[in-house]
Amino acid sequence: MVEVPAGLNSYTNLKKIIFVDDLYGFILDRNINLFKTSNGGASWSKIYINLSANLNNIKFLDRLTGFITGDNMAIFKTTDGGLTWNRKTQNDGYSIVGLHFFNEMQGYAFTSGSLTYPVRNVYYTSDRGETWSEKDSMPAFSFVDFFNKQNGMALISGGYSDPSITIAVSRDGGEWQREDLPIPLTGTFMKMADPSTAYIFGQNGTIIRFKDMSYTSIEEETGAEIINDYSLSQNYPNPFNPETIIKFSLPEAGFVKGVVYDILGREVRTLINGEMNPGNHEVKFDAKGIASGVYIFRLEAGRYSSAIKMVVNK
């Protein structure tokens, strides 16, 4: 590791740094300044942004298109690399603490709060951040972090008189499942280490490692083989207890959904829900906590749809 002077003085109070590729990066500070690099951080240029909001987060989709969020549900967008900004939300509300795009067009914004204030806190865009609409209502998040486009976790504080926290988990970029795991800790920061693990940093130097045991990994095989058709193979082993592997092939990239149903057609678990590359893939299904019996796994990709029967034998 080589230390490179960034040209920022000791009075610069930095809030967030991001890189969109190996060369282009951005820094947001508390004095409504934006710092930009185009040479991997060797040097930085300062851009003053005259925005009427207390800013707290920054997100860039590419070198030109980016967003800055702030208090009162403020979301500003730039399409010229940060030189000019336009506000895309007009309503007042809580501060935006998280902004995540799980593809080029669709994204979510998450507002702050605690269990004390059960506010509507998820906003959705389907046009690359031009318009935002209310989506879900649940206790507002304190921190939101994503490891990749699909897998994220959120920290929910209990409130001023309640030091416990709750974890919310997303496996498709925006739909959240609450994990009721109260921890006697006031969280100050959270960072995901992998799709199933988050580290929660609290006051007085406390660090908690949270592991989502329900996470199902998806592995992609590498190689030069050309896939011409969709296919879904029978899981192996079958019957199984508690884990089995499901293999499938995709001839082209696209949105893929894979869901496990019980014999009555009720949804048991979503294993796949997002964009995938062409090729051979496999997904692990962990039936821990699921009763013995016959289950159906259905794979949908574009116009393709196929299902297999699986037997859990405990």
C-alpha atoms as a PDB file:
ATOM      1  CA  MET A   1       0.000   0.000   0.000  1.00  0.00           C
ATOM      2  CA  VAL A   2       1.287   3.454  -0.958  1.00  0.00           C
ATOM      3  CA  GLU A   3       0.205   6.636   0.806  1.00  0.00           C
ATOM      4  CA  VAL A   4      -0.745   9.347  -1.695  1.00  0.00           C
ATOM      5  CA  PRO A   5      -1.374  12.964  -0.579  1.00  0.00           C
ATOM      6  CA  ALA A   6      -4.892  13.917  -1.668  1.00  0.00           C
ATOM      7  CA  GLY A   7      -4.389  17.664  -1.406  1.00  0.00           C
ATOM      8  CA  LEU A   8      -7.066  18.011   1.274  1.00  0.00           C
ATOM      9  CA  ASN A   9      -6.199  20.005   4.384  1.00  0.00           C
ATOM     10  CA  SER A  10      -6.840  18.949   7.975  1.00  0.00           C
ATOM     11  CA  TYR A  11      -9.903  21.217   8.191  1.00  0.00           C
ATOM     12  CA  THR A  12     -11.762  19.272   5.506  1.00  0.00           C
ATOM     13  CA  ASN A  13     -14.487  17.303   7.297  1.00  0.00           C
ATOM     14  CA  LEU A  14     -15.141  14.365   4.986  1.00  0.00           C
ATOM     15  CA  LYS A  15     -18.405  12.395   5.052  1.00  0.00           C
ATOM     16  CA  LYS A  16     -18.364   9.821   2.241  1.00  0.00           C
ATOM     17  CA  ILE A  17     -15.946   8.565  -0.418  1.00  0.00           C
ATOM     18  CA  ILE A  18     -16.883   6.368  -3.396  1.00  0.00           C
ATOM     19  CA  PHE A  19     -15.219   5.136  -6.584  1.00  0.00           C
ATOM     20  CA  VAL A  20     -17.174   4.220  -9.730  1.00  0.00           C
ATOM     21  CA  ASP A  21     -14.160   2.565 -11.391  1.00  0.00           C
ATOM     22  CA  ASP A  22     -10.381   2.396 -11.021  1.00  0.00           C
ATOM     23  CA  LEU A  23      -9.914   6.062 -11.956  1.00  0.00           C
ATOM     24  CA  TYR A  24     -13.022   8.094 -11.086  1.00  0.00           C
ATOM     25  CA  GLY A  25     -13.974   8.784  -7.485  1.00  0.00           C
ATOM     26  CA  PHE A  26     -15.881  11.354  -5.426  1.00  0.00           C
ATOM     27  CA  ILE A  27     -15.723  12.688  -1.856  1.00  0.00           C
ATOM     28  CA  LEU A  28     -18.501  14.575  -0.083  1.00  0.00           C
ATOM     29  CA  ASP A  29     -17.628  16.833   2.865  1.00  0.00           C
ATOM     30  CA  ARG A  30     -19.711  18.617   5.483  1.00  0.00           C
ATOM     31  CA  ASN A  31     -19.121  22.051   3.935  1.00  0.00           C
ATOM     32  CA  ILE A  32     -21.197  21.282   0.803  1.00  0.00           C
ATOM     33  CA  ASN A  33     -18.109  20.564  -1.284  1.00  0.00           C
ATOM     34  CA  LEU A  34     -17.599  17.727  -3.705  1.00  0.00           C
ATOM     35  CA  PHE A  35     -14.078  16.475  -4.469  1.00  0.00           C
ATOM     36  CA  LYS A  36     -13.485  14.571  -7.693  1.00  0.00           C
ATOM     37  CA  THR A  37     -10.565  12.492  -8.969  1.00  0.00           C
ATOM     38  CA  SER A  38     -10.006  11.090 -12.449  1.00  0.00           C
ATOM     39  CA  ASN A  39      -6.629   9.470 -11.797  1.00  0.00           C
ATOM     40  CA  GLY A  40      -7.356   6.945  -9.075  1.00  0.00           C
ATOM     41  CA  GLY A  41      -7.026   9.386  -6.185  1.00  0.00           C
ATOM     42  CA  ALA A  42      -3.593  10.802  -7.022  1.00  0.00           C
ATOM     43  CA  SER A  43      -5.124  14.294  -7.154  1.00  0.00           C
ATOM     44  CA  TRP A  44      -8.519  15.813  -6.374  1.00  0.00           C
ATOM     45  CA  SER A  45     -10.388  18.877  -7.659  1.00  0.00           C
ATOM     46  CA  LYS A  46     -12.988  20.667  -5.535  1.00  0.00           C
ATOM     47  CA  ILE A  47     -16.496  21.445  -6.802  1.00  0.00           C
ATOM     48  CA  TYR A  48     -18.676  23.747  -4.704  1.00  0.00           C
ATOM     49  CA  ILE A  49     -22.303  22.590  -4.789  1.00  0.00           C
ATOM     50  CA  ASN A  50     -24.849  25.192  -3.722  1.00  0.00           C
ATOM     51  CA  LEU A  51     -27.647  22.955  -2.406  1.00  0.00           C
ATOM     52  CA  SER A  52     -30.185  24.034   0.212  1.00  0.00           C
ATOM     53  CA  ALA A  53     -30.035  20.919   2.411  1.00  0.00           C
ATOM     54  CA  ASN A  54     -27.892  19.271   5.038  1.00  0.00           C
ATOM     55  CA  LEU A  55     -26.194  16.588   2.930  1.00  0.00           C
ATOM     56  CA  ASN A  56     -25.247  13.139   4.201  1.00  0.00           C
ATOM     57  CA  ASN A  57     -24.749  10.607   1.399  1.00  0.00           C
ATOM     58  CA  ILE A  58     -23.473  10.283  -2.162  1.00  0.00           C
ATOM     59  CA  LYS A  59     -23.975   7.628  -4.844  1.00  0.00           C
ATOM     60  CA  PHE A  60     -22.699   7.522  -8.452  1.00  0.00           C
ATOM     61  CA  LEU A  61     -23.940   5.040 -11.059  1.00  0.00           C
ATOM     62  CA  ASP A  62     -21.180   5.941 -13.524  1.00  0.00           C
ATOM     63  CA  ARG A  63     -18.732   8.788 -14.172  1.00  0.00           C
ATOM     64  CA  LEU A  64     -21.509  11.270 -15.009  1.00  0.00           C
ATOM     65  CA  THR A  65     -24.688  10.182 -13.239  1.00  0.00           C
ATOM     66  CA  GLY A  66     -24.822  10.548  -9.474  1.00  0.00           C
ATOM     67  CA  PHE A  67     -26.996  11.394  -6.489  1.00  0.00           C
ATOM     68  CA  ILE A  68     -26.579  13.304  -3.243  1.00  0.00           C
ATOM     69  CA  THR A  69     -29.080  12.865  -0.411  1.00  0.00           C
ATOM     70  CA  GLY A  70     -29.858  14.944   2.645  1.00  0.00           C
ATOM     71  CA  ASP A  71     -32.415  16.020   5.219  1.00  0.00           C
ATOM     72  CA  ASN A  72     -36.128  16.454   4.445  1.00  0.00           C
ATOM     73  CA  MET A  73     -36.180  13.600   1.942  1.00  0.00           C
ATOM     74  CA  ALA A  74     -33.785  15.484  -0.347  1.00  0.00           C
ATOM     75  CA  ILE A  75     -32.453  13.629  -3.399  1.00  0.00           C
ATOM     76  CA  PHE A  76     -30.344  15.603  -5.887  1.00  0.00           C
ATOM     77  CA  LYS A  77     -29.205  14.208  -9.239  1.00  0.00           C
ATOM     78  CA  THR A  78     -26.339  15.140 -11.565  1.00  0.00           C
ATOM     79  CA  THR A  79     -25.740  13.988 -15.142  1.00  0.00           C
ATOM     80  CA  ASP A  80     -22.519  15.941 -15.750  1.00  0.00           C
ATOM     81  CA  GLY A  81     -20.177  14.478 -13.159  1.00  0.00           C
ATOM     82  CA  GLY A  82     -21.227  16.733 -10.281  1.00  0.00           C
ATOM     83  CA  LEU A  83     -21.026  20.162 -11.918  1.00  0.00           C
ATOM     84  CA  THR A  84     -24.788  20.796 -11.699  1.00  0.00           C
ATOM     85  CA  TRP A  85     -27.461  19.241  -9.489  1.00  0.00           C
ATOM     86  CA  ASN A  86     -31.279  19.112  -9.637  1.00  0.00           C
ATOM     87  CA  ARG A  87     -33.564  18.113  -6.793  1.00  0.00           C
ATOM     88  CA  LYS A  88     -35.804  15.155  -7.703  1.00  0.00           C
ATOM     89  CA  THR A  89     -37.996  15.084  -4.583  1.00  0.00           C
ATOM     90  CA  GLN A  90     -40.189  17.925  -3.359  1.00  0.00           C
ATOM     91  CA  ASN A  91     -41.840  16.466  -0.253  1.00  0.00           C
ATOM     92  CA  ASP A  92     -40.493  16.989   3.254  1.00  0.00           C
ATOM     93  CA  GLY A  93     -39.679  14.084   5.525  1.00  0.00           C
ATOM     94  CA  TYR A  94     -36.917  12.231   7.279  1.00  0.00           C
ATOM     95  CA  SER A  95     -33.271  12.278   6.278  1.00  0.00           C
ATOM     96  CA  ILE A  96     -32.148   9.828   3.580  1.00  0.00           C
ATOM     97  CA  VAL A  97     -29.635   7.360   5.088  1.00  0.00           C
ATOM     98  CA  GLY A  98     -29.335   4.906   2.208  1.00  0.00           C
ATOM     99  CA  LEU A  99     -29.576   4.964  -1.597  1.00  0.00           C
ATOM    100  CA  HIS A 100     -29.263   1.779  -3.634  1.00  0.00           C
ATOM    101  CA  PHE A 101     -29.706   0.874  -7.315  1.00  0.00           C
ATOM    102  CA  PHE A 102     -30.020  -2.829  -8.103  1.00  0.00           C
ATOM    103  CA  ASN A 103     -29.941  -2.249 -11.869  1.00  0.00           C
ATOM    104  CA  GLU A 104     -29.471   0.725 -14.213  1.00  0.00           C
ATOM    105  CA  MET A 105     -33.055   1.979 -13.843  1.00  0.00           C
ATOM    106  CA  GLN A 106     -34.488   0.751 -10.530  1.00  0.00           C
ATOM    107  CA  GLY A 107     -33.463   1.865  -7.075  1.00  0.00           C
ATOM    108  CA  TYR A 108     -34.574   2.552  -3.510  1.00  0.00           C
ATOM    109  CA  ALA A 109     -34.056   5.368  -1.009  1.00  0.00           C
ATOM    110  CA  PHE A 110     -34.278   4.723   2.717  1.00  0.00           C
ATOM    111  CA  THR A 111     -35.029   7.306   5.397  1.00  0.00           C
ATOM    112  CA  SER A 112     -33.779   7.462   8.978  1.00  0.00           C
ATOM    113  CA  GLY A 113     -35.656   6.963  12.219  1.00  0.00           C
ATOM    114  CA  SER A 114     -36.247   4.293  14.862  1.00  0.00           C
ATOM    115  CA  LEU A 115     -38.867   1.874  16.163  1.00  0.00           C
ATOM    116  CA  THR A 116     -40.369   4.828  18.013  1.00  0.00           C
ATOM    117  CA  TYR A 117     -41.373   6.390  14.687  1.00  0.00           C
ATOM    118  CA  PRO A 118     -43.029   3.792  12.355  1.00  0.00           C
ATOM    119  CA  VAL A 119     -42.871   6.023   9.276  1.00  0.00           C
ATOM    120  CA  ARG A 120     -43.078   5.233   5.579  1.00  0.00           C
ATOM    121  CA  ASN A 121     -39.409   4.968   4.798  1.00  0.00           C
ATOM    122  CA  VAL A 122     -38.814   3.267   1.447  1.00  0.00           C
ATOM    123  CA  TYR A 123     -39.007   5.237  -1.815  1.00  0.00           C
ATOM    124  CA  TYR A 124     -38.731   3.669  -5.250  1.00  0.00           C
ATOM    125  CA  THR A 125     -37.597   4.805  -8.702  1.00  0.00           C
ATOM    126  CA  SER A 126     -37.895   2.962 -12.017  1.00  0.00           C
ATOM    127  CA  ASP A 127     -36.566   5.733 -14.270  1.00  0.00           C
ATOM    128  CA  ARG A 128     -32.952   6.118 -13.086  1.00  0.00           C
ATOM    129  CA  GLY A 129     -33.805   8.502 -10.275  1.00  0.00           C
ATOM    130  CA  GLU A 130     -35.912  11.025 -12.187  1.00  0.00           C
ATOM    131  CA  THR A 131     -39.019  10.389 -10.063  1.00  0.00           C
ATOM    132  CA  TRP A 132     -39.488   8.769  -6.647  1.00  0.00           C
ATOM    133  CA  SER A 133     -42.644   7.285  -5.081  1.00  0.00           C
ATOM    134  CA  GLU A 134     -43.494   5.835  -1.682  1.00  0.00           C
ATOM    135  CA  LYS A 135     -43.242   2.060  -1.610  1.00  0.00           C
ATOM    136  CA  ASP A 136     -43.147   0.323   1.769  1.00  0.00           C
ATOM    137  CA  SER A 137     -43.986   1.234   5.331  1.00  0.00           C
ATOM    138  CA  MET A 138     -41.939  -0.213   8.181  1.00  0.00           C
ATOM    139  CA  PRO A 139     -39.830   1.118  11.060  1.00  0.00           C
ATOM    140  CA  ALA A 140     -37.280   3.528   9.642  1.00  0.00           C
ATOM    141  CA  PHE A 141     -33.655   2.537   9.270  1.00  0.00           C
ATOM    142  CA  SER A 142     -30.653   3.989  11.066  1.00  0.00           C
ATOM    143  CA  PHE A 143     -28.090   2.564   8.627  1.00  0.00           C
ATOM    144  CA  VAL A 144     -28.325   0.745   5.303  1.00  0.00           C
ATOM    145  CA  ASP A 145     -25.521  -1.092   3.501  1.00  0.00           C
ATOM    146  CA  PHE A 146     -25.412  -3.349   0.431  1.00  0.00           C
ATOM    147  CA  PHE A 147     -22.713  -5.873  -0.412  1.00  0.00           C
ATOM    148  CA  ASN A 148     -23.859  -6.148  -4.039  1.00  0.00           C
ATOM    149  CA  LYS A 149     -26.927  -5.342  -6.133  1.00  0.00           C
ATOM    150  CA  GLN A 150     -29.153  -7.918  -4.437  1.00  0.00           C
ATOM    151  CA  ASN A 151     -27.896  -8.454  -0.887  1.00  0.00           C
ATOM    152  CA  GLY A 152     -28.278  -5.762   1.757  1.00  0.00           C
ATOM    153  CA  MET A 153     -28.834  -5.278   5.469  1.00  0.00           C
ATOM    154  CA  ALA A 154     -30.310  -2.450   7.496  1.00  0.00           C
ATOM    155  CA  LEU A 155     -29.996  -1.458  11.124  1.00  0.00           C
ATOM    156  CA  ILE A 156     -33.150  -0.368  12.982  1.00  0.00           C
ATOM    157  CA  SER A 157     -32.710   1.463  16.275  1.00  0.00           C
ATOM    158  CA  GLY A 158     -35.173   1.034  19.101  1.00  0.00           C
ATOM    159  CA  GLY A 159     -35.259   4.725  19.987  1.00  0.00           C
ATOM    160  CA  TYR A 160     -33.927   7.105  22.606  1.00  0.00           C
ATOM    161  CA  SER A 161     -35.136   5.028  25.565  1.00  0.00           C
ATOM    162  CA  ASP A 162     -34.574   1.616  23.945  1.00  0.00           C
ATOM    163  CA  PRO A 163     -30.919   0.614  23.290  1.00  0.00           C
ATOM    164  CA  SER A 164     -31.843  -2.552  21.369  1.00  0.00           C
ATOM    165  CA  ILE A 165     -31.480  -2.823  17.616  1.00  0.00           C
ATOM    166  CA  THR A 166     -33.133  -4.932  14.943  1.00  0.00           C
ATOM    167  CA  ILE A 167     -31.718  -6.217  11.664  1.00  0.00           C
ATOM    168  CA  ALA A 168     -33.566  -6.149   8.331  1.00  0.00           C
ATOM    169  CA  VAL A 169     -32.291  -8.294   5.455  1.00  0.00           C
ATOM    170  CA  SER A 170     -32.846  -7.864   1.696  1.00  0.00           C
ATOM    171  CA  ARG A 171     -32.095 -10.527  -0.905  1.00  0.00           C
ATOM    172  CA  ASP A 172     -33.455  -8.792  -4.006  1.00  0.00           C
ATOM    173  CA  GLY A 173     -32.270  -5.215  -3.622  1.00  0.00           C
ATOM    174  CA  GLY A 174     -35.322  -3.791  -1.918  1.00  0.00           C
ATOM    175  CA  GLU A 175     -37.816  -6.163  -0.274  1.00  0.00           C
ATOM    176  CA  TRP A 176     -36.977  -6.466   3.428  1.00  0.00           C
ATOM    177  CA  GLN A 177     -37.435  -9.222   6.008  1.00  0.00           C
ATOM    178  CA  ARG A 178     -37.065  -8.254   9.644  1.00  0.00           C
ATOM    179  CA  GLU A 179     -34.907 -10.361  11.913  1.00  0.00           C
ATOM    180  CA  ASP A 180     -36.153  -9.783  15.446  1.00  0.00           C
ATOM    181  CA  LEU A 181     -32.789 -10.005  17.151  1.00  0.00           C
ATOM    182  CA  PRO A 182     -32.650  -7.285  19.857  1.00  0.00           C
ATOM    183  CA  ILE A 183     -29.095  -6.504  20.908  1.00  0.00           C
ATOM    184  CA  PRO A 184     -28.232  -4.262  23.888  1.00  0.00           C
ATOM    185  CA  LEU A 185     -26.270  -1.839  21.762  1.00  0.00           C
ATOM    186  CA  THR A 186     -26.697   1.627  20.297  1.00  0.00           C
ATOM    187  CA  GLY A 187     -25.427   1.172  16.767  1.00  0.00           C
ATOM    188  CA  THR A 188     -23.275   3.892  15.242  1.00  0.00           C
ATOM    189  CA  PHE A 189     -22.257   2.244  11.951  1.00  0.00           C
ATOM    190  CA  MET A 190     -22.752  -0.969   9.984  1.00  0.00           C
ATOM    191  CA  LYS A 191     -20.754  -2.574   7.149  1.00  0.00           C
ATOM    192  CA  MET A 192     -21.382  -5.787   5.220  1.00  0.00           C
ATOM    193  CA  ALA A 193     -18.380  -8.106   4.795  1.00  0.00           C
ATOM    194  CA  ASP A 194     -20.096 -10.598   2.481  1.00  0.00           C
ATOM    195  CA  PRO A 195     -23.688 -11.318   1.363  1.00  0.00           C
ATOM    196  CA  SER A 196     -24.567 -12.959   4.697  1.00  0.00           C
ATOM    197  CA  THR A 197     -22.354 -11.143   7.226  1.00  0.00           C
ATOM    198  CA  ALA A 198     -22.486  -7.642   8.672  1.00  0.00           C
ATOM    199  CA  TYR A 199     -20.398  -5.953  11.348  1.00  0.00           C
ATOM    200  CA  ILE A 200     -22.258  -3.557  13.631  1.00  0.00           C
ATOM    201  CA  PHE A 201     -20.177  -0.939  15.401  1.00  0.00           C
ATOM    202  CA  GLY A 202     -21.549   0.511  18.625  1.00  0.00           C
ATOM    203  CA  GLN A 203     -20.623   2.915  21.351  1.00  0.00           C
ATOM    204  CA  ASN A 204     -17.704   2.266  23.728  1.00  0.00           C
ATOM    205  CA  GLY A 205     -15.840   0.232  21.118  1.00  0.00           C
ATOM    206  CA  THR A 206     -18.405  -2.586  20.886  1.00  0.00           C
ATOM    207  CA  ILE A 207     -18.433  -4.606  17.648  1.00  0.00           C
ATOM    208  CA  ILE A 208     -21.040  -7.266  16.853  1.00  0.00           C
ATOM    209  CA  ARG A 209     -20.814  -9.746  13.982  1.00  0.00           C
ATOM    210  CA  PHE A 210     -24.233 -10.643  12.551  1.00  0.00           C
ATOM    211  CA  LYS A 211     -24.527 -13.788  10.398  1.00  0.00           C
ATOM    212  CA  ASP A 212     -27.689 -14.452   8.400  1.00  0.00           C
ATOM    213  CA  MET A 213     -27.927 -18.256   8.518  1.00  0.00           C
ATOM    214  CA  SER A 214     -30.822 -18.323   6.028  1.00  0.00           C
ATOM    215  CA  TYR A 215     -28.654 -16.944   3.219  1.00  0.00           C
ATOM    216  CA  THR A 216     -28.505 -19.167   0.131  1.00  0.00           C
ATOM    217  CA  SER A 217     -25.423 -18.758  -2.040  1.00  0.00           C
ATOM    218  CA  ILE A 218     -25.431 -18.835  -5.830  1.00  0.00           C
ATOM    219  CA  GLU A 219     -22.324 -20.025  -7.628  1.00  0.00           C
ATOM    220  CA  GLU A 220     -21.562 -19.424 -11.283  1.00  0.00           C
ATOM    221  CA  GLU A 221     -19.389 -21.841 -13.202  1.00  0.00           C
ATOM    222  CA  THR A 222     -16.694 -20.348 -15.360  1.00  0.00           C
ATOM    223  CA  GLY A 223     -15.606 -21.616 -18.758  1.00  0.00           C
ATOM    224  CA  ALA A 224     -15.909 -21.038 -22.465  1.00  0.00           C
ATOM    225  CA  GLU A 225     -18.895 -23.346 -22.989  1.00  0.00           C
ATOM    226  CA  ILE A 226     -21.645 -21.757 -25.060  1.00  0.00           C
ATOM    227  CA  ILE A 227     -25.155 -22.342 -23.704  1.00  0.00           C
ATOM    228  CA  ASN A 228     -27.827 -22.524 -26.418  1.00  0.00           C
ATOM    229  CA  ASP A 229     -30.943 -23.340 -24.377  1.00  0.00           C
ATOM    230  CA  TYR A 230     -32.465 -22.873 -20.940  1.00  0.00           C
ATOM    231  CA  SER A 231     -32.369 -25.949 -18.716  1.00  0.00           C
ATOM    232  CA  LEU A 232     -33.164 -26.898 -15.139  1.00  0.00           C
ATOM    233  CA  SER A 233     -31.656 -30.103 -13.709  1.00  0.00           C
ATOM    234  CA  GLN A 234     -33.017 -32.277 -10.937  1.00  0.00           C
ATOM    235  CA  ASN A 235     -31.595 -31.323  -7.561  1.00  0.00           C
ATOM    236  CA  TYR A 236     -28.963 -33.535  -5.959  1.00  0.00           C
ATOM    237  CA  PRO A 237     -29.159 -35.192  -3.540  1.00  0.00           C
ATOM    238  CA  ASN A 238     -32.868 -35.945  -3.577  1.00  0.00           C
ATOM    239  CA  PRO A 239     -34.295 -36.769  -1.059  1.00  0.00           C
ATOM    240  CA  PHE A 240     -32.084 -34.558   1.105  1.00  0.00           C
ATOM    241  CA  ASN A 241     -31.524 -33.306   4.645  1.00  0.00           C
ATOM    242  CA  PRO A 242     -30.932 -30.438   5.041  1.00  0.00           C
ATOM    243  CA  GLU A 243     -29.100 -29.195   1.914  1.00  0.00           C
ATOM    244  CA  THR A 244     -29.338 -29.847  -1.802  1.00  0.00           C
ATOM    245  CA  ILE A 245     -27.883 -28.321  -4.983  1.00  0.00           C
ATOM    246  CA  ILE A 246     -29.981 -27.139  -7.937  1.00  0.00           C
ATOM    247  CA  LYS A 247     -28.221 -26.602 -11.273  1.00  0.00           C
ATOM    248  CA  PHE A 248     -29.528 -24.639 -14.260  1.00  0.00           C
ATOM    249  CA  SER A 249     -28.285 -23.065 -17.496  1.00  0.00           C
ATOM    250  CA  LEU A 250     -29.038 -19.703 -19.096  1.00  0.00           C
ATOM    251  CA  PRO A 251     -28.305 -18.928 -22.776  1.00  0.00           C
ATOM    252  CA  GLU A 252     -28.520 -15.158 -22.209  1.00  0.00           C
ATOM    253  CA  ALA A 253     -28.380 -12.551 -19.470  1.00  0.00           C
ATOM    254  CA  GLY A 254     -31.611 -11.438 -17.887  1.00  0.00           C
ATOM    255  CA  PHE A 255     -33.826 -11.370 -14.827  1.00  0.00           C
ATOM    256  CA  VAL A 256     -34.165 -14.769 -13.153  1.00  0.00           C
ATOM    257  CA  LYS A 257     -36.483 -15.862 -10.361  1.00  0.00           C
ATOM    258  CA  GLY A 258     -36.353 -19.169  -8.502  1.00  0.00           C
ATOM    259  CA  VAL A 259     -38.898 -19.952  -5.784  1.00  0.00           C
ATOM    260  CA  VAL A 260     -39.557 -22.987  -3.582  1.00  0.00           C
ATOM    261  CA  TYR A 261     -43.245 -23.839  -3.014  1.00  0.00           C
ATOM    262  CA  ASP A 262     -44.908 -26.432  -0.825  1.00  0.00           C
ATOM    263  CA  ILE A 263     -47.279 -29.013  -2.271  1.00  0.00           C
ATOM    264  CA  LEU A 264     -50.232 -26.629  -1.752  1.00  0.00           C
ATOM    265  CA  GLY A 265     -48.574 -23.919  -3.855  1.00  0.00           C
ATOM    266  CA  ARG A 266     -47.593 -21.687  -0.942  1.00  0.00           C
ATOM    267  CA  GLU A 267     -44.285 -19.852  -1.300  1.00  0.00           C
ATOM    268  CA  VAL A 268     -41.666 -21.218   1.090  1.00  0.00           C
ATOM    269  CA  ARG A 269     -38.456 -19.444   0.085  1.00  0.00           C
ATOM    270  CA  THR A 270     -37.099 -17.304  -2.753  1.00  0.00           C
ATOM    271  CA  LEU A 271     -33.663 -18.555  -3.789  1.00  0.00           C
ATOM    272  CA  ILE A 272     -33.070 -16.343  -6.858  1.00  0.00           C
ATOM    273  CA  ASN A 273     -34.497 -12.930  -7.670  1.00  0.00           C
ATOM    274  CA  GLY A 274     -32.303 -10.710  -9.827  1.00  0.00           C
ATOM    275  CA  GLU A 275     -30.179 -10.228 -12.921  1.00  0.00           C
ATOM    276  CA  MET A 276     -27.873 -13.109 -13.911  1.00  0.00           C
ATOM    277  CA  ASN A 277     -25.261 -13.670 -16.615  1.00  0.00           C
ATOM    278  CA  PRO A 278     -25.490 -16.443 -19.228  1.00  0.00           C
ATOM    279  CA  GLY A 279     -23.840 -19.746 -18.384  1.00  0.00           C
ATOM    280  CA  ASN A 280     -24.119 -22.684 -16.013  1.00  0.00           C
ATOM    281  CA  HIS A 281     -25.242 -21.857 -12.492  1.00  0.00           C
ATOM    282  CA  GLU A 282     -26.042 -23.626  -9.260  1.00  0.00           C
ATOM    283  CA  VAL A 283     -27.904 -22.606  -6.133  1.00  0.00           C
ATOM    284  CA  LYS A 284     -27.918 -24.254  -2.721  1.00  0.00           C
ATOM    285  CA  PHE A 285     -31.204 -24.817  -0.890  1.00  0.00           C
ATOM    286  CA  ASP A 286     -30.922 -25.195   2.878  1.00  0.00           C
ATOM    287  CA  ALA A 287     -34.125 -26.732   4.269  1.00  0.00           C
ATOM    288  CA  LYS A 288     -33.191 -26.151   7.891  1.00  0.00           C
ATOM    289  CA  GLY A 289     -36.369 -25.266   9.785  1.00  0.00           C
ATOM    290  CA  ILE A 290     -38.597 -26.657   7.018  1.00  0.00           C
ATOM    291  CA  ALA A 291     -40.775 -29.726   7.646  1.00  0.00           C
ATOM    292  CA  SER A 292     -40.321 -33.007   5.798  1.00  0.00           C
ATOM    293  CA  GLY A 293     -42.365 -33.364   2.644  1.00  0.00           C
ATOM    294  CA  VAL A 294     -42.551 -32.691  -1.082  1.00  0.00           C
ATOM    295  CA  TYR A 295     -41.608 -29.251  -2.405  1.00  0.00           C
ATOM    296  CA  ILE A 296     -41.540 -27.658  -5.848  1.00  0.00           C
ATOM    297  CA  PHE A 297     -38.766 -25.428  -7.161  1.00  0.00           C
ATOM    298  CA  ARG A 298     -39.845 -23.235 -10.099  1.00  0.00           C
ATOM    299  CA  LEU A 299     -37.330 -21.349 -12.263  1.00  0.00           C
ATOM    300  CA  GLU A 300     -38.486 -18.418 -14.416  1.00  0.00           C
ATOM    301  CA  ALA A 301     -36.231 -16.579 -16.874  1.00  0.00           C
ATOM    302  CA  GLY A 302     -37.773 -14.471 -19.630  1.00  0.00           C
ATOM    303  CA  ARG A 303     -40.419 -16.668 -21.266  1.00  0.00           C
ATOM    304  CA  TYR A 304     -38.823 -19.844 -19.909  1.00  0.00           C
ATOM    305  CA  SER A 305     -40.422 -21.594 -16.960  1.00  0.00           C
ATOM    306  CA  SER A 306     -39.665 -25.024 -15.519  1.00  0.00           C
ATOM    307  CA  ALA A 307     -40.117 -26.865 -12.226  1.00  0.00           C
ATOM    308  CA  ILE A 308     -38.681 -29.839 -10.359  1.00  0.00           C
ATOM    309  CA  LYS A 309     -40.007 -31.855  -7.428  1.00  0.00           C
ATOM    310  CA  MET A 310     -37.799 -32.067  -4.303  1.00  0.00           C
ATOM    311  CA  VAL A 311     -38.209 -34.249  -1.222  1.00  0.00           C
ATOM    312  CA  VAL A 312     -37.102 -33.136   2.236  1.00  0.00           C
ATOM    313  CA  ASN A 313     -36.591 -36.259   4.374  1.00  0.00           C
ATOM    314  CA  LYS A 314     -35.775 -35.592   8.033  1.00  0.00           C
END
